[in-house]
Structures are given as C-alpha cells and as structure tokens.
C-alpha cells in the first residue's frame, strides 16, 4: 500500500469534548468541521498533508490519525488543553 494511503477510521463519539468553556467550544467546532456531519471518517496521510484550513485542524487531524480511539488515559485530553494546544500550533 502506498505510504500516503495509510489510513484509520475515527469515530466522532471518541472525539467529543465534554467540558464546557469557550476554548472547548472552539475545539468542538473544529472537530465538527472535520467530521462534517458524519459519525465516522477515514483519514490518511494524504489528508494530513493537504490539511491547510487551519493549524488547529491540522493538529487535531494528526492526533486523530495517530490515536483514532483517543488513546488511553488523559494524554490526548492533556494535549488539547488550551496552553498545550497553543504551543503545538506555534510550530
């Protein structure tokens, strides 16, 4: 399989933000835009390379591709905290 076609299927239910505040509403809007009214999506490396709408969307898609079930524990939730996500978006 060509490298750019390596893909994972991601369920939106795994990527729903539970805490309510303005920053999490921003994150949820990005997630909703990525899923585009679908319950599941499939992301491949090509999608990541061509994700040029926003750096926030790129970071989220990359995390979704690498951790389609949102991983174990709170590691991904910790990365999605405002301060940490802002640092990721700087690079």
PDB file of N, CA and C in Angstrom:
ATOM      1  N   UNK A   1       0.843  -1.171   0.000  1.00  0.00           N
ATOM      2  CA  UNK A   1       0.000   0.000   0.000  1.00  0.00           C
ATOM      3  C   UNK A   1       0.894   1.242   0.000  1.00  0.00           C
ATOM      4  N   UNK A   2       0.615   2.190  -0.874  1.00  0.00           N
ATOM      5  CA  UNK A   2       1.403   3.421  -0.892  1.00  0.00           C
ATOM      6  C   UNK A   2       1.330   4.160   0.446  1.00  0.00           C
ATOM      7  N   UNK A   3       2.420   4.770   0.815  1.00  0.00           N
ATOM      8  CA  UNK A   3       2.551   5.449   2.098  1.00  0.00           C
ATOM      9  C   UNK A   3       1.431   6.455   2.359  1.00  0.00           C
ATOM     10  N   UNK A   4       1.056   7.232   1.361  1.00  0.00           N
ATOM     11  CA  UNK A   4       0.035   8.265   1.551  1.00  0.00           C
ATOM     12  C   UNK A   4      -1.358   7.695   1.758  1.00  0.00           C
ATOM     13  N   UNK A   5      -1.553   6.423   1.477  1.00  0.00           N
ATOM     14  CA  UNK A   5      -2.871   5.807   1.647  1.00  0.00           C
ATOM     15  C   UNK A   5      -3.061   5.145   3.008  1.00  0.00           C
ATOM     16  N   UNK A   6      -2.038   5.126   3.854  1.00  0.00           N
ATOM     17  CA  UNK A   6      -2.194   4.545   5.190  1.00  0.00           C
ATOM     18  C   UNK A   6      -3.276   5.327   5.919  1.00  0.00           C
ATOM     19  N   UNK A   7      -4.337   4.643   6.335  1.00  0.00           N
ATOM     20  CA  UNK A   7      -5.472   5.368   6.901  1.00  0.00           C
ATOM     21  C   UNK A   7      -6.019   4.687   8.145  1.00  0.00           C
ATOM     22  N   UNK A   8      -6.799   5.458   8.884  1.00  0.00           N
ATOM     23  CA  UNK A   8      -7.504   4.980  10.063  1.00  0.00           C
ATOM     24  C   UNK A   8      -8.911   5.539  10.039  1.00  0.00           C
ATOM     25  N   UNK A   9      -9.841   4.752  10.566  1.00  0.00           N
ATOM     26  CA  UNK A   9     -11.223   5.206  10.697  1.00  0.00           C
ATOM     27  C   UNK A   9     -11.411   5.718  12.118  1.00  0.00           C
ATOM     28  N   UNK A  10     -11.988   6.903  12.216  1.00  0.00           N
ATOM     29  CA  UNK A  10     -12.155   7.572  13.502  1.00  0.00           C
ATOM     30  C   UNK A  10     -13.638   7.790  13.769  1.00  0.00           C
ATOM     31  N   UNK A  11     -14.074   7.467  14.984  1.00  0.00           N
ATOM     32  CA  UNK A  11     -15.456   7.687  15.391  1.00  0.00           C
ATOM     33  C   UNK A  11     -15.567   9.017  16.126  1.00  0.00           C
ATOM     34  N   UNK A  12     -16.580   9.789  15.747  1.00  0.00           N
ATOM     35  CA  UNK A  12     -16.768  11.099  16.369  1.00  0.00           C
ATOM     36  C   UNK A  12     -17.030  10.975  17.866  1.00  0.00           C
ATOM     37  N   UNK A  13     -17.714   9.909  18.280  1.00  0.00           N
ATOM     38  CA  UNK A  13     -18.035   9.745  19.702  1.00  0.00           C
ATOM     39  C   UNK A  13     -16.786   9.715  20.567  1.00  0.00           C
ATOM     40  N   UNK A  14     -15.664   9.268  20.009  1.00  0.00           N
ATOM     41  CA  UNK A  14     -14.407   9.257  20.756  1.00  0.00           C
ATOM     42  C   UNK A  14     -13.790  10.643  20.888  1.00  0.00           C
ATOM     43  N   UNK A  15     -14.194  11.560  20.019  1.00  0.00           N
ATOM     44  CA  UNK A  15     -13.574  12.877  19.962  1.00  0.00           C
ATOM     45  C   UNK A  15     -14.539  13.997  20.343  1.00  0.00           C
ATOM     46  N   UNK A  16     -15.523  13.689  21.169  1.00  0.00           N
ATOM     47  CA  UNK A  16     -16.439  14.712  21.657  1.00  0.00           C
ATOM     48  C   UNK A  16     -15.834  15.344  22.904  1.00  0.00           C
ATOM     49  N   UNK A  17     -15.820  16.662  22.931  1.00  0.00           N
ATOM     50  CA  UNK A  17     -15.274  17.401  24.067  1.00  0.00           C
ATOM     51  C   UNK A  17     -16.364  17.508  25.128  1.00  0.00           C
ATOM     52  N   UNK A  18     -16.042  17.107  26.337  1.00  0.00           N
ATOM     53  CA  UNK A  18     -17.061  17.038  27.386  1.00  0.00           C
ATOM     54  C   UNK A  18     -17.136  18.290  28.259  1.00  0.00           C
ATOM     55  N   UNK A  19     -16.027  18.936  28.521  1.00  0.00           N
ATOM     56  CA  UNK A  19     -16.037  20.131  29.370  1.00  0.00           C
ATOM     57  C   UNK A  19     -16.584  21.320  28.590  1.00  0.00           C
ATOM     58  N   UNK A  20     -17.359  22.158  29.265  1.00  0.00           N
ATOM     59  CA  UNK A  20     -17.946  23.338  28.621  1.00  0.00           C
ATOM     60  C   UNK A  20     -17.187  24.602  29.013  1.00  0.00           C
ATOM     61  N   UNK A  21     -16.533  25.202  28.069  1.00  0.00           N
ATOM     62  CA  UNK A  21     -15.974  26.548  28.203  1.00  0.00           C
ATOM     63  C   UNK A  21     -15.709  27.056  26.784  1.00  0.00           C
ATOM     64  N   UNK A  22     -15.326  28.301  26.641  1.00  0.00           N
ATOM     65  CA  UNK A  22     -15.207  28.887  25.302  1.00  0.00           C
ATOM     66  C   UNK A  22     -14.144  28.179  24.466  1.00  0.00           C
ATOM     67  N   UNK A  23     -13.032  27.774  25.086  1.00  0.00           N
ATOM     68  CA  UNK A  23     -11.982  27.121  24.312  1.00  0.00           C
ATOM     69  C   UNK A  23     -12.419  25.746  23.834  1.00  0.00           C
ATOM     70  N   UNK A  24     -13.096  25.008  24.694  1.00  0.00           N
ATOM     71  CA  UNK A  24     -13.588  23.688  24.297  1.00  0.00           C
ATOM     72  C   UNK A  24     -14.680  23.794  23.249  1.00  0.00           C
ATOM     73  N   UNK A  25     -15.440  24.868  23.266  1.00  0.00           N
ATOM     74  CA  UNK A  25     -16.418  25.094  22.197  1.00  0.00           C
ATOM     75  C   UNK A  25     -15.699  25.314  20.866  1.00  0.00           C
ATOM     76  N   UNK A  26     -14.583  26.027  20.900  1.00  0.00           N
ATOM     77  CA  UNK A  26     -13.752  26.219  19.711  1.00  0.00           C
ATOM     78  C   UNK A  26     -13.241  24.870  19.199  1.00  0.00           C
ATOM     79  N   UNK A  27     -12.725  24.037  20.126  1.00  0.00           N
ATOM     80  CA  UNK A  27     -12.245  22.707  19.746  1.00  0.00           C
ATOM     81  C   UNK A  27     -13.369  21.863  19.148  1.00  0.00           C
ATOM     82  N   UNK A  28     -14.530  21.892  19.784  1.00  0.00           N
ATOM     83  CA  UNK A  28     -15.643  21.089  19.292  1.00  0.00           C
ATOM     84  C   UNK A  28     -16.076  21.540  17.905  1.00  0.00           C
ATOM     85  N   UNK A  29     -16.014  22.844  17.651  1.00  0.00           N
ATOM     86  CA  UNK A  29     -16.351  23.354  16.315  1.00  0.00           C
ATOM     87  C   UNK A  29     -15.360  22.826  15.277  1.00  0.00           C
ATOM     88  N   UNK A  30     -14.064  22.813  15.608  1.00  0.00           N
ATOM     89  CA  UNK A  30     -13.060  22.252  14.698  1.00  0.00           C
ATOM     90  C   UNK A  30     -13.334  20.776  14.437  1.00  0.00           C
ATOM     91  N   UNK A  31     -13.649  20.041  15.496  1.00  0.00           N
ATOM     92  CA  UNK A  31     -13.941  18.614  15.363  1.00  0.00           C
ATOM     93  C   UNK A  31     -15.182  18.407  14.502  1.00  0.00           C
ATOM     94  N   UNK A  32     -16.218  19.203  14.743  1.00  0.00           N
ATOM     95  CA  UNK A  32     -17.448  19.098  13.942  1.00  0.00           C
ATOM     96  C   UNK A  32     -17.155  19.379  12.468  1.00  0.00           C
ATOM     97  N   UNK A  33     -16.277  20.357  12.198  1.00  0.00           N
ATOM     98  CA  UNK A  33     -15.912  20.663  10.806  1.00  0.00           C
ATOM     99  C   UNK A  33     -15.167  19.495  10.160  1.00  0.00           C
ATOM    100  N   UNK A  34     -14.310  18.854  10.921  1.00  0.00           N
ATOM    101  CA  UNK A  34     -13.562  17.706  10.393  1.00  0.00           C
ATOM    102  C   UNK A  34     -14.513  16.563  10.062  1.00  0.00           C
ATOM    103  N   UNK A  35     -15.470  16.299  10.951  1.00  0.00           N
ATOM    104  CA  UNK A  35     -16.396  15.185  10.733  1.00  0.00           C
ATOM    105  C   UNK A  35     -17.504  15.532   9.737  1.00  0.00           C
ATOM    106  N   UNK A  36     -17.798  16.810   9.537  1.00  0.00           N
ATOM    107  CA  UNK A  36     -18.743  17.251   8.504  1.00  0.00           C
ATOM    108  C   UNK A  36     -20.065  16.462   8.544  1.00  0.00           C
ATOM    109  N   UNK A  37     -20.703  16.434   9.724  1.00  0.00           N
ATOM    110  CA  UNK A  37     -21.999  15.760   9.937  1.00  0.00           C
ATOM    111  C   UNK A  37     -21.955  14.249   9.744  1.00  0.00           C
ATOM    112  N   UNK A  38     -20.803  13.639   9.905  1.00  0.00           N
ATOM    113  CA  UNK A  38     -20.674  12.185   9.801  1.00  0.00           C
ATOM    114  C   UNK A  38     -20.317  11.621  11.174  1.00  0.00           C
ATOM    115  N   UNK A  39     -20.705  10.375  11.408  1.00  0.00           N
ATOM    116  CA  UNK A  39     -20.363   9.719  12.668  1.00  0.00           C
ATOM    117  C   UNK A  39     -18.958   9.143  12.651  1.00  0.00           C
ATOM    118  N   UNK A  40     -18.465   8.785  11.465  1.00  0.00           N
ATOM    119  CA  UNK A  40     -17.110   8.263  11.320  1.00  0.00           C
ATOM    120  C   UNK A  40     -16.463   8.876  10.087  1.00  0.00           C
ATOM    121  N   UNK A  41     -15.158   9.001  10.146  1.00  0.00           N
ATOM    122  CA  UNK A  41     -14.389   9.465   8.985  1.00  0.00           C
ATOM    123  C   UNK A  41     -13.162   8.576   8.857  1.00  0.00           C
ATOM    124  N   UNK A  42     -12.572   8.583   7.695  1.00  0.00           N
ATOM    125  CA  UNK A  42     -11.312   7.894   7.466  1.00  0.00           C
ATOM    126  C   UNK A  42     -10.287   8.942   7.057  1.00  0.00           C
ATOM    127  N   UNK A  43      -9.193   8.998   7.797  1.00  0.00           N
ATOM    128  CA  UNK A  43      -8.113   9.928   7.491  1.00  0.00           C
ATOM    129  C   UNK A  43      -6.890   9.140   7.052  1.00  0.00           C
ATOM    130  N   UNK A  44      -6.230   9.638   6.013  1.00  0.00           N
ATOM    131  CA  UNK A  44      -4.969   9.030   5.593  1.00  0.00           C
ATOM    132  C   UNK A  44      -3.875  10.098   5.605  1.00  0.00           C
ATOM    133  N   UNK A  45      -2.673   9.691   5.335  1.00  0.00           N
ATOM    134  CA  UNK A  45      -1.552  10.637   5.367  1.00  0.00           C
ATOM    135  C   UNK A  45      -1.723  11.747   4.328  1.00  0.00           C
ATOM    136  N   UNK A  46      -2.321  11.430   3.213  1.00  0.00           N
ATOM    137  CA  UNK A  46      -2.571  12.449   2.187  1.00  0.00           C
ATOM    138  C   UNK A  46      -3.479  13.539   2.744  1.00  0.00           C
ATOM    139  N   UNK A  47      -4.524  13.138   3.490  1.00  0.00           N
ATOM    140  CA  UNK A  47      -5.427  14.113   4.108  1.00  0.00           C
ATOM    141  C   UNK A  47      -4.663  15.041   5.049  1.00  0.00           C
ATOM    142  N   UNK A  48      -3.725  14.469   5.803  1.00  0.00           N
ATOM    143  CA  UNK A  48      -2.954  15.286   6.739  1.00  0.00           C
ATOM    144  C   UNK A  48      -2.059  16.280   5.996  1.00  0.00           C
ATOM    145  N   UNK A  49      -1.403  15.817   4.960  1.00  0.00           N
ATOM    146  CA  UNK A  49      -0.513  16.698   4.201  1.00  0.00           C
ATOM    147  C   UNK A  49      -1.266  17.822   3.505  1.00  0.00           C
ATOM    148  N   UNK A  50      -2.529  17.590   3.197  1.00  0.00           N
ATOM    149  CA  UNK A  50      -3.326  18.598   2.493  1.00  0.00           C
ATOM    150  C   UNK A  50      -4.337  19.273   3.409  1.00  0.00           C
ATOM    151  N   UNK A  51      -4.100  19.217   4.699  1.00  0.00           N
ATOM    152  CA  UNK A  51      -4.970  19.855   5.675  1.00  0.00           C
ATOM    153  C   UNK A  51      -4.479  21.280   5.888  1.00  0.00           C
ATOM    154  N   UNK A  52      -4.926  22.179   5.048  1.00  0.00           N
ATOM    155  CA  UNK A  52      -4.399  23.539   5.104  1.00  0.00           C
ATOM    156  C   UNK A  52      -5.444  24.578   5.501  1.00  0.00           C
ATOM    157  N   UNK A  53      -6.558  24.148   6.081  1.00  0.00           N
ATOM    158  CA  UNK A  53      -7.572  25.112   6.510  1.00  0.00           C
ATOM    159  C   UNK A  53      -7.103  25.911   7.716  1.00  0.00           C
ATOM    160  N   UNK A  54      -6.549  25.230   8.704  1.00  0.00           N
ATOM    161  CA  UNK A  54      -6.038  25.912   9.892  1.00  0.00           C
ATOM    162  C   UNK A  54      -5.047  24.994  10.598  1.00  0.00           C
ATOM    163  N   UNK A  55      -4.154  25.604  11.346  1.00  0.00           N
ATOM    164  CA  UNK A  55      -3.177  24.813  12.081  1.00  0.00           C
ATOM    165  C   UNK A  55      -3.878  23.991  13.160  1.00  0.00           C
ATOM    166  N   UNK A  56      -4.943  24.534  13.753  1.00  0.00           N
ATOM    167  CA  UNK A  56      -5.694  23.787  14.754  1.00  0.00           C
ATOM    168  C   UNK A  56      -6.306  22.525  14.174  1.00  0.00           C
ATOM    169  N   UNK A  57      -6.858  22.646  12.983  1.00  0.00           N
ATOM    170  CA  UNK A  57      -7.437  21.479  12.317  1.00  0.00           C
ATOM    171  C   UNK A  57      -6.357  20.461  11.962  1.00  0.00           C
ATOM    172  N   UNK A  58      -5.202  20.947  11.521  1.00  0.00           N
ATOM    173  CA  UNK A  58      -4.096  20.043  11.204  1.00  0.00           C
ATOM    174  C   UNK A  58      -3.658  19.261  12.441  1.00  0.00           C
ATOM    175  N   UNK A  59      -3.510  19.955  13.566  1.00  0.00           N
ATOM    176  CA  UNK A  59      -3.088  19.290  14.805  1.00  0.00           C
ATOM    177  C   UNK A  59      -4.125  18.256  15.218  1.00  0.00           C
ATOM    178  N   UNK A  60      -5.405  18.617  15.171  1.00  0.00           N
ATOM    179  CA  UNK A  60      -6.465  17.669  15.540  1.00  0.00           C
ATOM    180  C   UNK A  60      -6.477  16.460  14.618  1.00  0.00           C
ATOM    181  N   UNK A  61      -6.386  16.685  13.312  1.00  0.00           N
ATOM    182  CA  UNK A  61      -6.385  15.566  12.369  1.00  0.00           C
ATOM    183  C   UNK A  61      -5.185  14.652  12.600  1.00  0.00           C
ATOM    184  N   UNK A  62      -4.039  15.240  12.901  1.00  0.00           N
ATOM    185  CA  UNK A  62      -2.848  14.445  13.159  1.00  0.00           C
ATOM    186  C   UNK A  62      -3.039  13.582  14.406  1.00  0.00           C
ATOM    187  N   UNK A  63      -3.600  14.167  15.462  1.00  0.00           N
ATOM    188  CA  UNK A  63      -3.874  13.399  16.677  1.00  0.00           C
ATOM    189  C   UNK A  63      -4.913  12.319  16.413  1.00  0.00           C
ATOM    190  N   UNK A  64      -5.934  12.642  15.635  1.00  0.00           N
ATOM    191  CA  UNK A  64      -6.971  11.656  15.308  1.00  0.00           C
ATOM    192  C   UNK A  64      -6.387  10.509  14.503  1.00  0.00           C
ATOM    193  N   UNK A  65      -5.524  10.823  13.546  1.00  0.00           N
ATOM    194  CA  UNK A  65      -4.915   9.791  12.721  1.00  0.00           C
ATOM    195  C   UNK A  65      -4.018   8.896  13.578  1.00  0.00           C
ATOM    196  N   UNK A  66      -3.243   9.491  14.458  1.00  0.00           N
ATOM    197  CA  UNK A  66      -2.317   8.725  15.287  1.00  0.00           C
ATOM    198  C   UNK A  66      -2.982   7.981  16.432  1.00  0.00           C
ATOM    199  N   UNK A  67      -4.094   8.523  16.904  1.00  0.00           N
ATOM    200  CA  UNK A  67      -4.802   7.937  18.052  1.00  0.00           C
ATOM    201  C   UNK A  67      -6.301   7.922  17.761  1.00  0.00           C
ATOM    202  N   UNK A  68      -6.746   7.074  16.840  1.00  0.00           N
ATOM    203  CA  UNK A  68      -8.148   7.111  16.407  1.00  0.00           C
ATOM    204  C   UNK A  68      -9.162   6.875  17.529  1.00  0.00           C
ATOM    205  N   UNK A  69      -8.755   6.163  18.587  1.00  0.00           N
ATOM    206  CA  UNK A  69      -9.676   5.929  19.703  1.00  0.00           C
ATOM    207  C   UNK A  69      -9.413   6.906  20.845  1.00  0.00           C
ATOM    208  N   UNK A  70      -8.604   7.912  20.592  1.00  0.00           N
ATOM    209  CA  UNK A  70      -8.207   8.958  21.540  1.00  0.00           C
ATOM    210  C   UNK A  70      -7.266   8.444  22.621  1.00  0.00           C
ATOM    211  N   UNK A  71      -6.668   7.305  22.393  1.00  0.00           N
ATOM    212  CA  UNK A  71      -5.643   6.787  23.285  1.00  0.00           C
ATOM    213  C   UNK A  71      -6.162   6.356  24.643  1.00  0.00           C
ATOM    214  N   UNK A  72      -5.223   6.033  25.510  1.00  0.00           N
ATOM    215  CA  UNK A  72      -5.564   5.615  26.870  1.00  0.00           C
ATOM    216  C   UNK A  72      -5.306   6.752  27.844  1.00  0.00           C
ATOM    217  N   UNK A  73      -6.050   6.766  28.905  1.00  0.00           N
ATOM    218  CA  UNK A  73      -5.846   7.789  29.922  1.00  0.00           C
ATOM    219  C   UNK A  73      -6.227   9.172  29.418  1.00  0.00           C
ATOM    220  N   UNK A  74      -5.552  10.169  29.940  1.00  0.00           N
ATOM    221  CA  UNK A  74      -5.872  11.565  29.613  1.00  0.00           C
ATOM    222  C   UNK A  74      -4.816  12.226  28.741  1.00  0.00           C
ATOM    223  N   UNK A  75      -3.948  11.447  28.102  1.00  0.00           N
ATOM    224  CA  UNK A  75      -2.854  12.035  27.331  1.00  0.00           C
ATOM    225  C   UNK A  75      -3.343  12.967  26.236  1.00  0.00           C
ATOM    226  N   UNK A  76      -4.316  12.547  25.443  1.00  0.00           N
ATOM    227  CA  UNK A  76      -4.821  13.396  24.357  1.00  0.00           C
ATOM    228  C   UNK A  76      -5.591  14.576  24.933  1.00  0.00           C
ATOM    229  N   UNK A  77      -6.400  14.340  25.966  1.00  0.00           N
ATOM    230  CA  UNK A  77      -7.115  15.450  26.610  1.00  0.00           C
ATOM    231  C   UNK A  77      -6.132  16.486  27.133  1.00  0.00           C
ATOM    232  N   UNK A  78      -5.010  16.033  27.671  1.00  0.00           N
ATOM    233  CA  UNK A  78      -3.997  16.971  28.152  1.00  0.00           C
ATOM    234  C   UNK A  78      -3.397  17.769  26.996  1.00  0.00           C
ATOM    235  N   UNK A  79      -3.187  17.141  25.845  1.00  0.00           N
ATOM    236  CA  UNK A  79      -2.675  17.860  24.677  1.00  0.00           C
ATOM    237  C   UNK A  79      -3.672  18.883  24.148  1.00  0.00           C
ATOM    238  N   UNK A  80      -4.950  18.629  24.385  1.00  0.00           N
ATOM    239  CA  UNK A  80      -5.991  19.527  23.898  1.00  0.00           C
ATOM    240  C   UNK A  80      -6.321  20.659  24.876  1.00  0.00           C
ATOM    241  N   UNK A  81      -5.584  20.733  25.981  1.00  0.00           N
ATOM    242  CA  UNK A  81      -5.747  21.863  26.891  1.00  0.00           C
ATOM    243  C   UNK A  81      -5.261  23.120  26.170  1.00  0.00           C
ATOM    244  N   UNK A  82      -5.858  24.244  26.493  1.00  0.00           N
ATOM    245  CA  UNK A  82      -5.591  25.497  25.788  1.00  0.00           C
ATOM    246  C   UNK A  82      -4.097  25.811  25.678  1.00  0.00           C
ATOM    247  N   UNK A  83      -3.390  25.813  26.792  1.00  0.00           N
ATOM    248  CA  UNK A  83      -1.973  26.189  26.781  1.00  0.00           C
ATOM    249  C   UNK A  83      -1.148  25.233  25.927  1.00  0.00           C
ATOM    250  N   UNK A  84      -1.375  23.939  26.077  1.00  0.00           N
ATOM    251  CA  UNK A  84      -0.602  22.948  25.340  1.00  0.00           C
ATOM    252  C   UNK A  84      -0.905  23.013  23.846  1.00  0.00           C
ATOM    253  N   UNK A  85      -2.179  23.122  23.487  1.00  0.00           N
ATOM    254  CA  UNK A  85      -2.558  23.191  22.079  1.00  0.00           C
ATOM    255  C   UNK A  85      -2.002  24.453  21.430  1.00  0.00           C
ATOM    256  N   UNK A  86      -2.020  25.554  22.137  1.00  0.00           N
ATOM    257  CA  UNK A  86      -1.437  26.810  21.604  1.00  0.00           C
ATOM    258  C   UNK A  86       0.054  26.625  21.330  1.00  0.00           C
ATOM    259  N   UNK A  87       0.753  25.914  22.220  1.00  0.00           N
ATOM    260  CA  UNK A  87       2.180  25.648  21.994  1.00  0.00           C
ATOM    261  C   UNK A  87       2.384  24.769  20.768  1.00  0.00           C
ATOM    262  N   UNK A  88       1.531  23.760  20.575  1.00  0.00           N
ATOM    263  CA  UNK A  88       1.639  22.899  19.398  1.00  0.00           C
ATOM    264  C   UNK A  88       1.396  23.686  18.110  1.00  0.00           C
ATOM    265  N   UNK A  89       0.510  24.655  18.165  1.00  0.00           N
ATOM    266  CA  UNK A  89       0.168  25.428  16.976  1.00  0.00           C
ATOM    267  C   UNK A  89       1.256  26.439  16.600  1.00  0.00           C
ATOM    268  N   UNK A  90       2.164  26.726  17.509  1.00  0.00           N
ATOM    269  CA  UNK A  90       3.237  27.698  17.221  1.00  0.00           C
ATOM    270  C   UNK A  90       4.246  27.159  16.228  1.00  0.00           C
ATOM    271  N   UNK A  91       4.434  25.854  16.167  1.00  0.00           N
ATOM    272  CA  UNK A  91       5.488  25.272  15.324  1.00  0.00           C
ATOM    273  C   UNK A  91       5.030  25.129  13.959  1.00  0.00           C
TER     274      UNK A  91
END
